[in-house]
Amino acid sequence: MKAFVFPGQGSQFVGMGKDLYDNNPLAKELFDKADEVLGFKITDIMFAGTDEQLKETKVTQPAVFLHSVISALCLGDEFKPDMAAGHSLGEFSALVAAGAINFEDGLKLVAARANAMQRACEKNPGTMAAIIGLPDETIEKICKEISDNGEVVVPANYNCPGQLVISGSKEGIKTACEKLTEAGAKRALPLAVGGAFHSPFMQLAKDELQKAIEATDFHEPKCPVYQNVDAKPHTDPAEIKSNLIAQLTSSVRWTKSVQNMIADGADEFVECGPGHALQGMIRRIDRSVNAHGIQ
């Protein structure tokens, strides 16, 4: 069975989508539509902008979404997913590609998400760090100890065995990196991100995005979508909406999502969008499956 997966923020690169735009009429139509919906020429930044321009949250998230969704839709009859999932932002791409949300509404939600997250970051500054080489349980225990002492530190992204990203206050993350290194982490690497994503610091963004999600029409997708908050397959529009609202302040349970897809029969994973990050994670989760990408 074939699972299609969609990457999140951080996978972007200048030039992304240019080949699709130049060589596929559907891609050109959708990219041009995106410029119109967003009210600025995101294609100029994606195709020939600077790294700094592409790193702006209001650009990055729609750019990754567009490349991912258009990559999938341009497969035509070859896009026949038995299941789908996306990492953080990529969940929106998965839902649009699977038909749960239409293209224009999905783009509007992603733009709203990016702007809401930017405002939340400005109001509640925070950061994140990648922890390599420790069991999840050890990281969870140390995060809880620090949070119980007044700082906010939570597990944010369960990427694959031995790789977990934590999120929270700047002081909390600094303390956590020190304690996790003492506990035997191979690396405790602060990330160059704009805020504490998938933590309580995103509550403001969650409240804003909830209104936009509730006002959007959702449909039953063509295949189950394994959602970040519980790693389980969903096809009910009401459940999908509820999980998508919860996503911004909840952990991304990517390891469990992939494990559940494999348990449900997935033996081939196709990554649609920029970069190869998900392929690497999937191979570390289960080396017996075939993971490859379409850009």
Protein backbone atom coordinates (compact mmCIF):
# COMPACT_ATOMS: atom_id res chain seq x y z
CA MET A 1 0.00 0.00 0.00
CA LYS A 2 1.18 3.49 -0.84
CA ALA A 3 1.32 6.36 1.65
CA PHE A 4 1.88 9.93 0.53
CA VAL A 5 3.59 12.22 3.03
CA PHE A 6 4.11 15.98 3.06
CA PRO A 7 6.91 17.97 4.72
CA GLY A 8 6.72 20.93 7.06
CA GLN A 9 8.46 24.25 7.52
CA GLY A 10 12.24 24.12 7.11
CA SER A 11 12.26 22.12 3.88
CA GLN A 12 12.09 25.19 1.63
CA PHE A 13 14.77 26.25 -0.87
CA VAL A 14 15.05 28.99 -3.47
CA GLY A 15 13.98 27.67 -6.87
CA MET A 16 11.37 25.31 -5.45
CA GLY A 17 8.50 24.72 -7.86
CA LYS A 18 10.11 26.45 -10.86
CA ASP A 19 10.37 23.29 -12.97
CA LEU A 20 6.75 22.46 -12.25
CA TYR A 21 5.65 25.97 -13.21
CA ASP A 22 7.61 25.93 -16.46
CA ASN A 23 6.63 22.43 -17.57
CA ASN A 24 3.14 21.66 -16.29
CA PRO A 25 0.03 23.70 -17.28
CA LEU A 26 -1.87 22.68 -14.13
CA ALA A 27 1.05 23.73 -11.93
CA LYS A 28 1.24 27.11 -13.68
CA GLU A 29 -2.51 27.62 -13.20
CA LEU A 30 -2.34 26.79 -9.50
CA PHE A 31 0.75 28.89 -8.81
CA ASP A 32 -0.81 31.87 -10.60
CA LYS A 33 -3.99 31.35 -8.57
CA ALA A 34 -1.90 31.36 -5.40
CA ASP A 35 -0.38 34.74 -6.28
CA GLU A 36 -3.90 36.07 -6.72
CA VAL A 37 -5.26 34.58 -3.46
CA LEU A 38 -2.29 35.72 -1.35
CA GLY A 39 -2.18 39.21 -2.83
CA PHE A 40 1.56 39.10 -3.53
CA LYS A 41 3.82 37.28 -5.98
CA ILE A 42 4.95 34.40 -3.82
CA THR A 43 6.15 32.69 -7.00
CA ASP A 44 8.78 35.41 -7.51
CA ILE A 45 10.20 34.67 -4.04
CA MET A 46 9.96 30.89 -4.44
CA PHE A 47 11.57 30.80 -7.87
CA ALA A 48 14.18 33.56 -7.65
CA GLY A 49 14.09 35.26 -4.25
CA THR A 50 16.68 35.24 -1.48
CA ASP A 51 16.99 32.78 1.39
CA GLU A 52 16.05 35.58 3.79
CA GLN A 53 12.86 36.39 1.89
CA LEU A 54 11.90 32.73 1.79
CA LYS A 55 12.48 32.36 5.55
CA GLU A 56 9.76 34.88 6.42
CA THR A 57 6.97 32.90 8.06
CA LYS A 58 4.26 34.49 5.90
CA VAL A 59 6.20 33.23 2.85
CA THR A 60 7.69 29.95 4.08
CA GLN A 61 4.51 28.18 5.08
CA PRO A 62 2.47 28.96 1.92
CA ALA A 63 5.54 28.21 -0.22
CA VAL A 64 6.09 24.74 1.24
CA PHE A 65 2.35 24.05 1.09
CA LEU A 66 2.14 25.11 -2.57
CA HIS A 67 5.12 23.07 -3.70
CA SER A 68 3.88 20.02 -1.81
CA VAL A 69 0.25 20.10 -2.95
CA ILE A 70 1.01 21.00 -6.55
CA SER A 71 3.65 18.23 -6.73
CA ALA A 72 0.95 15.74 -5.72
CA LEU A 73 -1.85 17.10 -7.89
CA CYS A 74 0.38 17.20 -10.97
CA LEU A 75 0.88 13.44 -10.70
CA GLY A 76 -2.62 13.09 -12.12
CA ASP A 77 -3.74 9.46 -12.21
CA GLU A 78 -0.51 8.43 -10.46
CA PHE A 79 -1.69 10.14 -7.29
CA LYS A 80 -3.61 7.24 -5.77
CA PRO A 81 -2.91 7.33 -2.06
CA ASP A 82 -4.06 4.53 0.22
CA MET A 83 -3.26 6.82 3.14
CA ALA A 84 -1.67 10.24 3.73
CA ALA A 85 0.01 12.27 6.44
CA GLY A 86 1.89 15.53 6.81
CA HIS A 87 4.44 16.79 9.32
CA SER A 88 3.07 19.87 11.14
CA LEU A 89 2.35 22.36 8.30
CA GLY A 90 2.41 19.35 5.96
CA GLU A 91 -0.85 18.11 7.47
CA PHE A 92 -2.63 20.92 5.59
CA SER A 93 -0.94 19.79 2.37
CA ALA A 94 -2.03 16.20 3.01
CA LEU A 95 -5.64 17.24 3.62
CA VAL A 96 -5.81 19.31 0.45
CA ALA A 97 -4.13 16.65 -1.70
CA ALA A 98 -6.52 14.05 -0.28
CA GLY A 99 -9.54 16.22 -1.05
CA ALA A 100 -10.64 17.10 2.50
CA ILE A 101 -10.17 20.83 1.76
CA ASN A 102 -10.14 22.52 -1.62
CA PHE A 103 -6.95 24.16 -2.88
CA GLU A 104 -7.96 27.79 -2.36
CA ASP A 105 -9.39 27.24 1.13
CA GLY A 106 -6.29 25.27 2.12
CA LEU A 107 -4.02 28.08 0.96
CA LYS A 108 -6.07 30.65 2.88
CA LEU A 109 -5.85 28.53 6.03
CA VAL A 110 -2.09 28.13 5.68
CA ALA A 111 -1.68 31.89 5.19
CA ALA A 112 -3.87 32.52 8.25
CA ARG A 113 -1.83 29.97 10.21
CA ALA A 114 1.47 31.63 9.27
CA ASN A 115 0.27 35.10 10.24
CA ALA A 116 -1.29 33.88 13.49
CA MET A 117 1.90 32.04 14.45
CA GLN A 118 3.99 35.13 13.71
CA ARG A 119 1.82 37.23 16.03
CA ALA A 120 2.00 34.56 18.73
CA CYS A 121 5.80 34.48 18.44
CA GLU A 122 5.97 38.26 18.85
CA LYS A 123 3.72 38.21 21.92
CA ASN A 124 5.28 35.13 23.57
CA PRO A 125 8.92 34.74 22.44
CA GLY A 126 10.26 31.23 22.70
CA THR A 127 12.47 28.75 20.90
CA MET A 128 13.07 25.07 20.15
CA ALA A 129 15.91 22.53 20.26
CA ALA A 130 16.59 19.16 18.67
CA ILE A 131 17.61 16.42 21.09
CA ILE A 132 19.55 13.53 19.55
CA GLY A 133 20.31 10.15 21.08
CA LEU A 134 18.05 9.90 24.13
CA PRO A 135 14.92 7.82 24.76
CA ASP A 136 11.69 9.81 24.52
CA GLU A 137 10.85 8.92 28.13
CA THR A 138 14.03 10.56 29.44
CA ILE A 139 13.34 13.75 27.50
CA GLU A 140 9.71 13.83 28.64
CA LYS A 141 10.76 13.41 32.29
CA ILE A 142 13.31 16.24 32.18
CA CYS A 143 10.90 18.55 30.32
CA LYS A 144 8.27 17.94 33.01
CA GLU A 145 10.74 18.63 35.82
CA ILE A 146 11.70 21.98 34.28
CA SER A 147 8.07 22.91 33.60
CA ASP A 148 7.14 22.02 37.18
CA ASN A 149 9.75 24.59 38.28
CA GLY A 150 8.11 27.44 36.39
CA GLU A 151 9.50 27.40 32.85
CA VAL A 152 7.67 26.03 29.81
CA VAL A 153 9.37 23.10 28.04
CA VAL A 154 7.43 20.42 26.16
CA PRO A 155 8.11 17.70 23.58
CA ALA A 156 7.09 19.22 20.24
CA ASN A 157 8.10 16.89 17.40
CA TYR A 158 8.54 13.13 17.83
CA ASN A 159 10.43 12.83 14.53
CA CYS A 160 11.94 9.34 14.74
CA PRO A 161 13.58 7.12 17.35
CA GLY A 162 16.46 9.06 18.89
CA GLN A 163 15.33 12.45 17.54
CA LEU A 164 12.86 14.60 19.45
CA VAL A 165 12.42 18.38 19.18
CA ILE A 166 11.48 20.28 22.34
CA SER A 167 9.78 23.67 22.51
CA GLY A 168 9.26 26.37 25.12
CA SER A 169 10.67 29.46 26.80
CA LYS A 170 14.22 30.51 25.93
CA GLU A 171 15.43 29.98 29.48
CA GLY A 172 13.59 26.68 29.73
CA ILE A 173 15.13 25.37 26.52
CA LYS A 174 18.60 26.48 27.65
CA THR A 175 18.18 24.62 30.95
CA ALA A 176 16.75 21.58 29.17
CA CYS A 177 19.69 21.39 26.75
CA GLU A 178 22.12 21.44 29.69
CA LYS A 179 20.24 18.76 31.64
CA LEU A 180 19.65 16.55 28.60
CA THR A 181 23.34 16.73 27.68
CA GLU A 182 24.19 15.67 31.25
CA ALA A 183 21.69 12.82 30.84
CA GLY A 184 23.62 11.50 27.83
CA ALA A 185 22.17 13.21 24.76
CA LYS A 186 24.55 12.97 21.78
CA ARG A 187 23.47 16.46 20.78
CA ALA A 188 21.16 19.12 22.22
CA LEU A 189 20.99 21.61 19.38
CA PRO A 190 19.11 24.94 19.68
CA LEU A 191 17.20 25.63 16.46
CA ALA A 192 17.11 28.90 14.52
CA VAL A 193 13.34 29.27 14.65
CA GLY A 194 11.06 32.21 15.25
CA GLY A 195 9.19 30.82 18.24
CA ALA A 196 8.06 27.92 20.40
CA PHE A 197 5.93 25.98 17.93
CA HIS A 198 3.69 23.13 19.12
CA SER A 199 3.75 24.42 22.69
CA PRO A 200 1.40 26.41 24.96
CA PHE A 201 3.07 29.55 23.57
CA MET A 202 0.98 29.02 20.40
CA GLN A 203 -2.37 29.37 22.21
CA LEU A 204 -3.00 32.80 20.67
CA ALA A 205 -2.40 31.38 17.19
CA LYS A 206 -4.63 28.40 17.96
CA ASP A 207 -7.49 30.69 18.97
CA GLU A 208 -7.13 32.71 15.76
CA LEU A 209 -6.82 29.68 13.50
CA GLN A 210 -9.76 27.92 15.15
CA LYS A 211 -12.13 30.58 13.82
CA ALA A 212 -10.76 30.21 10.29
CA ILE A 213 -10.92 26.40 10.40
CA GLU A 214 -14.47 26.38 11.74
CA ALA A 215 -15.53 28.72 8.92
CA THR A 216 -14.02 26.44 6.23
CA ASP A 217 -15.84 23.60 4.47
CA PHE A 218 -14.22 20.20 5.05
CA HIS A 219 -15.12 17.04 3.15
CA GLU A 220 -14.43 13.34 3.54
CA PRO A 221 -10.95 12.71 2.06
CA LYS A 222 -10.31 10.10 -0.63
CA CYS A 223 -8.12 8.17 1.84
CA PRO A 224 -7.49 8.18 5.60
CA VAL A 225 -5.25 11.01 6.81
CA TYR A 226 -3.10 10.19 9.84
CA GLN A 227 -3.15 13.35 11.93
CA ASN A 228 -0.37 14.75 14.09
CA VAL A 229 -2.20 15.02 17.40
CA ASP A 230 -3.06 11.33 17.83
CA ALA A 231 -1.22 9.58 14.95
CA LYS A 232 -4.49 7.87 13.97
CA PRO A 233 -6.29 7.68 10.61
CA HIS A 234 -9.24 10.03 10.14
CA THR A 235 -11.87 10.49 7.44
CA ASP A 236 -14.65 12.22 9.41
CA PRO A 237 -14.62 15.97 8.59
CA ALA A 238 -15.63 16.99 12.12
CA GLU A 239 -12.79 14.93 13.67
CA ILE A 240 -10.31 16.29 11.14
CA LYS A 241 -11.27 19.87 11.99
CA SER A 242 -10.99 19.27 15.73
CA ASN A 243 -7.55 17.66 15.39
CA LEU A 244 -6.32 20.42 13.10
CA ILE A 245 -7.36 23.06 15.66
CA ALA A 246 -5.52 21.19 18.42
CA GLN A 247 -2.38 20.79 16.33
CA LEU A 248 -0.70 24.14 17.04
CA THR A 249 -0.34 23.55 20.78
CA SER A 250 0.09 19.76 20.61
CA SER A 251 3.03 17.49 19.85
CA VAL A 252 3.63 16.23 16.31
CA ARG A 253 3.52 12.44 16.75
CA TRP A 254 5.33 11.62 13.53
CA THR A 255 7.09 8.44 14.69
CA LYS A 256 3.80 6.89 15.81
CA SER A 257 2.00 8.08 12.65
CA VAL A 258 4.50 6.27 10.44
CA GLN A 259 4.43 3.18 12.65
CA ASN A 260 0.62 3.12 12.47
CA MET A 261 0.63 3.50 8.68
CA ILE A 262 3.08 0.59 8.37
CA ALA A 263 0.95 -1.51 10.73
CA ASP A 264 -2.05 -0.71 8.52
CA GLY A 265 -0.26 -1.96 5.41
CA ALA A 266 1.93 0.85 4.06
CA ASP A 267 5.07 -0.51 2.39
CA GLU A 268 5.88 2.49 0.16
CA PHE A 269 6.12 6.13 1.25
CA VAL A 270 6.17 8.93 -1.32
CA GLU A 271 7.26 12.37 -0.09
CA CYS A 272 5.68 15.21 -2.07
CA GLY A 273 7.33 18.59 -1.74
CA PRO A 274 10.71 20.21 -1.12
CA GLY A 275 13.58 18.37 0.52
CA HIS A 276 14.08 14.80 1.75
CA ALA A 277 13.63 15.18 5.52
CA LEU A 278 10.67 12.84 5.86
CA GLN A 279 12.35 10.09 3.83
CA GLY A 280 15.25 10.09 6.29
CA MET A 281 12.93 9.98 9.29
CA ILE A 282 10.86 7.15 7.81
CA ARG A 283 13.95 5.04 7.12
CA ARG A 284 15.07 5.50 10.72
CA ILE A 285 11.61 4.47 11.93
CA ASP A 286 11.51 1.32 9.77
CA ARG A 287 14.27 0.41 7.32
CA SER A 288 12.15 -2.28 5.67
CA VAL A 289 9.89 0.17 3.84
CA ASN A 290 10.59 2.01 0.58
CA ALA A 291 10.73 5.80 1.04
CA HIS A 292 11.35 8.15 -1.86
CA GLY A 293 10.36 11.62 -3.00
CA ILE A 294 8.72 13.62 -5.77
CA GLN A 295 9.79 17.24 -6.19
